[in-house]
Amino acid sequence: PVDAQKSTVVFELHVAVAGENYAVMQRLAEAHEHKLRDQVITATRMSPLAIFDEPDLQSFRRRIYLRLRRALPQLVIGDVYVSEFQLTVKSL
């Protein structure tokens, strides 16, 4: 049995884009903002708590990258970066 827990994850997400693709990426991001946001939220909610223990959050960043690429294959993302990361876990 596992104790009931509530976890809260807060972070800022940044993506690396080549300079020549910046304008296209910006238009795509603005046009599909809600879809991209939903994919990031889904990736976060589906991630086990252990994944947030990695120092560089590589697995978590990879999950987000893959979801974004599947949702919009025309995205030209080089990499995904997470900053201002905070994890709070409370037992209920």
C-alpha atoms as a PDB file:
ATOM      1  CA  PRO A   1       0.000   0.000   0.000  1.00  0.00           C
ATOM      2  CA  VAL A   2       1.089   3.528  -0.779  1.00  0.00           C
ATOM      3  CA  ASP A   3       0.233   6.544   1.320  1.00  0.00           C
ATOM      4  CA  ALA A   4      -1.949   9.107  -0.407  1.00  0.00           C
ATOM      5  CA  GLN A   5       0.212  11.894  -1.729  1.00  0.00           C
ATOM      6  CA  LYS A   6      -0.375  15.150  -3.519  1.00  0.00           C
ATOM      7  CA  SER A   7       2.484  16.477  -5.597  1.00  0.00           C
ATOM      8  CA  THR A   8       2.865  19.918  -7.097  1.00  0.00           C
ATOM      9  CA  VAL A   9       5.364  20.590  -9.862  1.00  0.00           C
ATOM     10  CA  VAL A  10       6.222  24.132 -10.929  1.00  0.00           C
ATOM     11  CA  PHE A  11       8.727  24.975 -13.639  1.00  0.00           C
ATOM     12  CA  GLU A  12       9.496  27.180 -16.617  1.00  0.00           C
ATOM     13  CA  LEU A  13       9.936  25.453 -19.957  1.00  0.00           C
ATOM     14  CA  HIS A  14      12.297  26.744 -22.627  1.00  0.00           C
ATOM     15  CA  VAL A  15      13.068  25.299 -26.051  1.00  0.00           C
ATOM     16  CA  ALA A  16      16.145  25.777 -28.191  1.00  0.00           C
ATOM     17  CA  VAL A  17      15.463  26.721 -31.793  1.00  0.00           C
ATOM     18  CA  ALA A  18      17.952  27.485 -34.576  1.00  0.00           C
ATOM     19  CA  GLY A  19      17.940  31.162 -35.564  1.00  0.00           C
ATOM     20  CA  GLU A  20      16.667  30.531 -39.082  1.00  0.00           C
ATOM     21  CA  ASN A  21      13.667  28.612 -37.674  1.00  0.00           C
ATOM     22  CA  TYR A  22      12.754  31.126 -34.981  1.00  0.00           C
ATOM     23  CA  ALA A  23       9.985  32.949 -36.886  1.00  0.00           C
ATOM     24  CA  VAL A  24       8.314  29.700 -37.990  1.00  0.00           C
ATOM     25  CA  MET A  25       8.532  28.272 -34.485  1.00  0.00           C
ATOM     26  CA  GLN A  26       7.084  31.415 -32.944  1.00  0.00           C
ATOM     27  CA  ARG A  27       4.080  31.326 -35.306  1.00  0.00           C
ATOM     28  CA  LEU A  28       3.482  27.636 -34.613  1.00  0.00           C
ATOM     29  CA  ALA A  29       3.759  28.133 -30.857  1.00  0.00           C
ATOM     30  CA  GLU A  30       1.299  31.024 -30.899  1.00  0.00           C
ATOM     31  CA  ALA A  31      -1.182  29.195 -33.149  1.00  0.00           C
ATOM     32  CA  HIS A  32      -1.062  25.986 -31.081  1.00  0.00           C
ATOM     33  CA  GLU A  33      -0.378  27.379 -27.621  1.00  0.00           C
ATOM     34  CA  HIS A  34      -3.155  25.443 -25.890  1.00  0.00           C
ATOM     35  CA  LYS A  35      -2.275  22.156 -27.591  1.00  0.00           C
ATOM     36  CA  LEU A  36       1.392  22.507 -26.626  1.00  0.00           C
ATOM     37  CA  ARG A  37       0.472  23.463 -23.062  1.00  0.00           C
ATOM     38  CA  ASP A  38      -1.795  20.413 -22.764  1.00  0.00           C
ATOM     39  CA  GLN A  39       1.023  18.146 -23.953  1.00  0.00           C
ATOM     40  CA  VAL A  40       3.414  19.547 -21.329  1.00  0.00           C
ATOM     41  CA  ILE A  41       0.807  19.139 -18.586  1.00  0.00           C
ATOM     42  CA  THR A  42       0.069  15.563 -19.690  1.00  0.00           C
ATOM     43  CA  ALA A  43       3.777  14.667 -19.745  1.00  0.00           C
ATOM     44  CA  THR A  44       4.182  16.129 -16.260  1.00  0.00           C
ATOM     45  CA  ARG A  45       1.171  14.342 -14.792  1.00  0.00           C
ATOM     46  CA  MET A  46       2.155  10.999 -16.299  1.00  0.00           C
ATOM     47  CA  SER A  47       5.714  11.166 -14.970  1.00  0.00           C
ATOM     48  CA  PRO A  48       6.490   9.124 -11.862  1.00  0.00           C
ATOM     49  CA  LEU A  49       7.889  11.079  -8.916  1.00  0.00           C
ATOM     50  CA  ALA A  50      11.230   9.275  -9.208  1.00  0.00           C
ATOM     51  CA  ILE A  51      11.870  10.951 -12.569  1.00  0.00           C
ATOM     52  CA  PHE A  52      12.068  14.330 -10.818  1.00  0.00           C
ATOM     53  CA  ASP A  53      15.021  13.150  -8.701  1.00  0.00           C
ATOM     54  CA  GLU A  54      17.419  13.269 -11.661  1.00  0.00           C
ATOM     55  CA  PRO A  55      19.814  16.212 -11.320  1.00  0.00           C
ATOM     56  CA  ASP A  56      19.372  17.406 -14.917  1.00  0.00           C
ATOM     57  CA  LEU A  57      15.774  16.128 -15.367  1.00  0.00           C
ATOM     58  CA  GLN A  58      16.899  14.475 -18.604  1.00  0.00           C
ATOM     59  CA  SER A  59      14.131  11.838 -18.711  1.00  0.00           C
ATOM     60  CA  PHE A  60      11.453  14.396 -17.903  1.00  0.00           C
ATOM     61  CA  ARG A  61      12.757  16.782 -20.575  1.00  0.00           C
ATOM     62  CA  ARG A  62      12.825  13.897 -23.070  1.00  0.00           C
ATOM     63  CA  ARG A  63       9.190  13.020 -22.316  1.00  0.00           C
ATOM     64  CA  ILE A  64       8.145  16.610 -22.974  1.00  0.00           C
ATOM     65  CA  TYR A  65      10.228  16.784 -26.164  1.00  0.00           C
ATOM     66  CA  LEU A  66       8.661  13.597 -27.550  1.00  0.00           C
ATOM     67  CA  ARG A  67       5.107  14.698 -26.736  1.00  0.00           C
ATOM     68  CA  LEU A  68       5.625  18.080 -28.397  1.00  0.00           C
ATOM     69  CA  ARG A  69       7.126  16.477 -31.512  1.00  0.00           C
ATOM     70  CA  ARG A  70       4.265  13.965 -31.752  1.00  0.00           C
ATOM     71  CA  ALA A  71       1.635  16.665 -31.304  1.00  0.00           C
ATOM     72  CA  LEU A  72       3.188  18.966 -33.928  1.00  0.00           C
ATOM     73  CA  PRO A  73       5.728  17.159 -36.134  1.00  0.00           C
ATOM     74  CA  GLN A  74       6.564  20.404 -37.938  1.00  0.00           C
ATOM     75  CA  LEU A  75       8.144  21.839 -34.760  1.00  0.00           C
ATOM     76  CA  VAL A  76      11.876  22.368 -35.172  1.00  0.00           C
ATOM     77  CA  ILE A  77      12.923  22.074 -31.537  1.00  0.00           C
ATOM     78  CA  GLY A  78      16.597  21.495 -30.852  1.00  0.00           C
ATOM     79  CA  ASP A  79      16.264  20.742 -27.141  1.00  0.00           C
ATOM     80  CA  VAL A  80      14.004  21.343 -24.152  1.00  0.00           C
ATOM     81  CA  TYR A  81      15.220  23.045 -20.962  1.00  0.00           C
ATOM     82  CA  VAL A  82      13.580  23.340 -17.556  1.00  0.00           C
ATOM     83  CA  SER A  83      14.301  26.156 -15.119  1.00  0.00           C
ATOM     84  CA  GLU A  84      12.843  27.397 -11.847  1.00  0.00           C
ATOM     85  CA  PHE A  85      11.951  23.785 -11.011  1.00  0.00           C
ATOM     86  CA  GLN A  86      10.120  23.131  -7.727  1.00  0.00           C
ATOM     87  CA  LEU A  87       8.605  19.871  -6.504  1.00  0.00           C
ATOM     88  CA  THR A  88       6.389  19.688  -3.430  1.00  0.00           C
ATOM     89  CA  VAL A  89       5.034  16.376  -2.151  1.00  0.00           C
ATOM     90  CA  LYS A  90       2.466  16.306   0.647  1.00  0.00           C
ATOM     91  CA  SER A  91       1.020  13.267   2.381  1.00  0.00           C
ATOM     92  CA  LEU A  92      -2.740  13.365   2.728  1.00  0.00           C
END
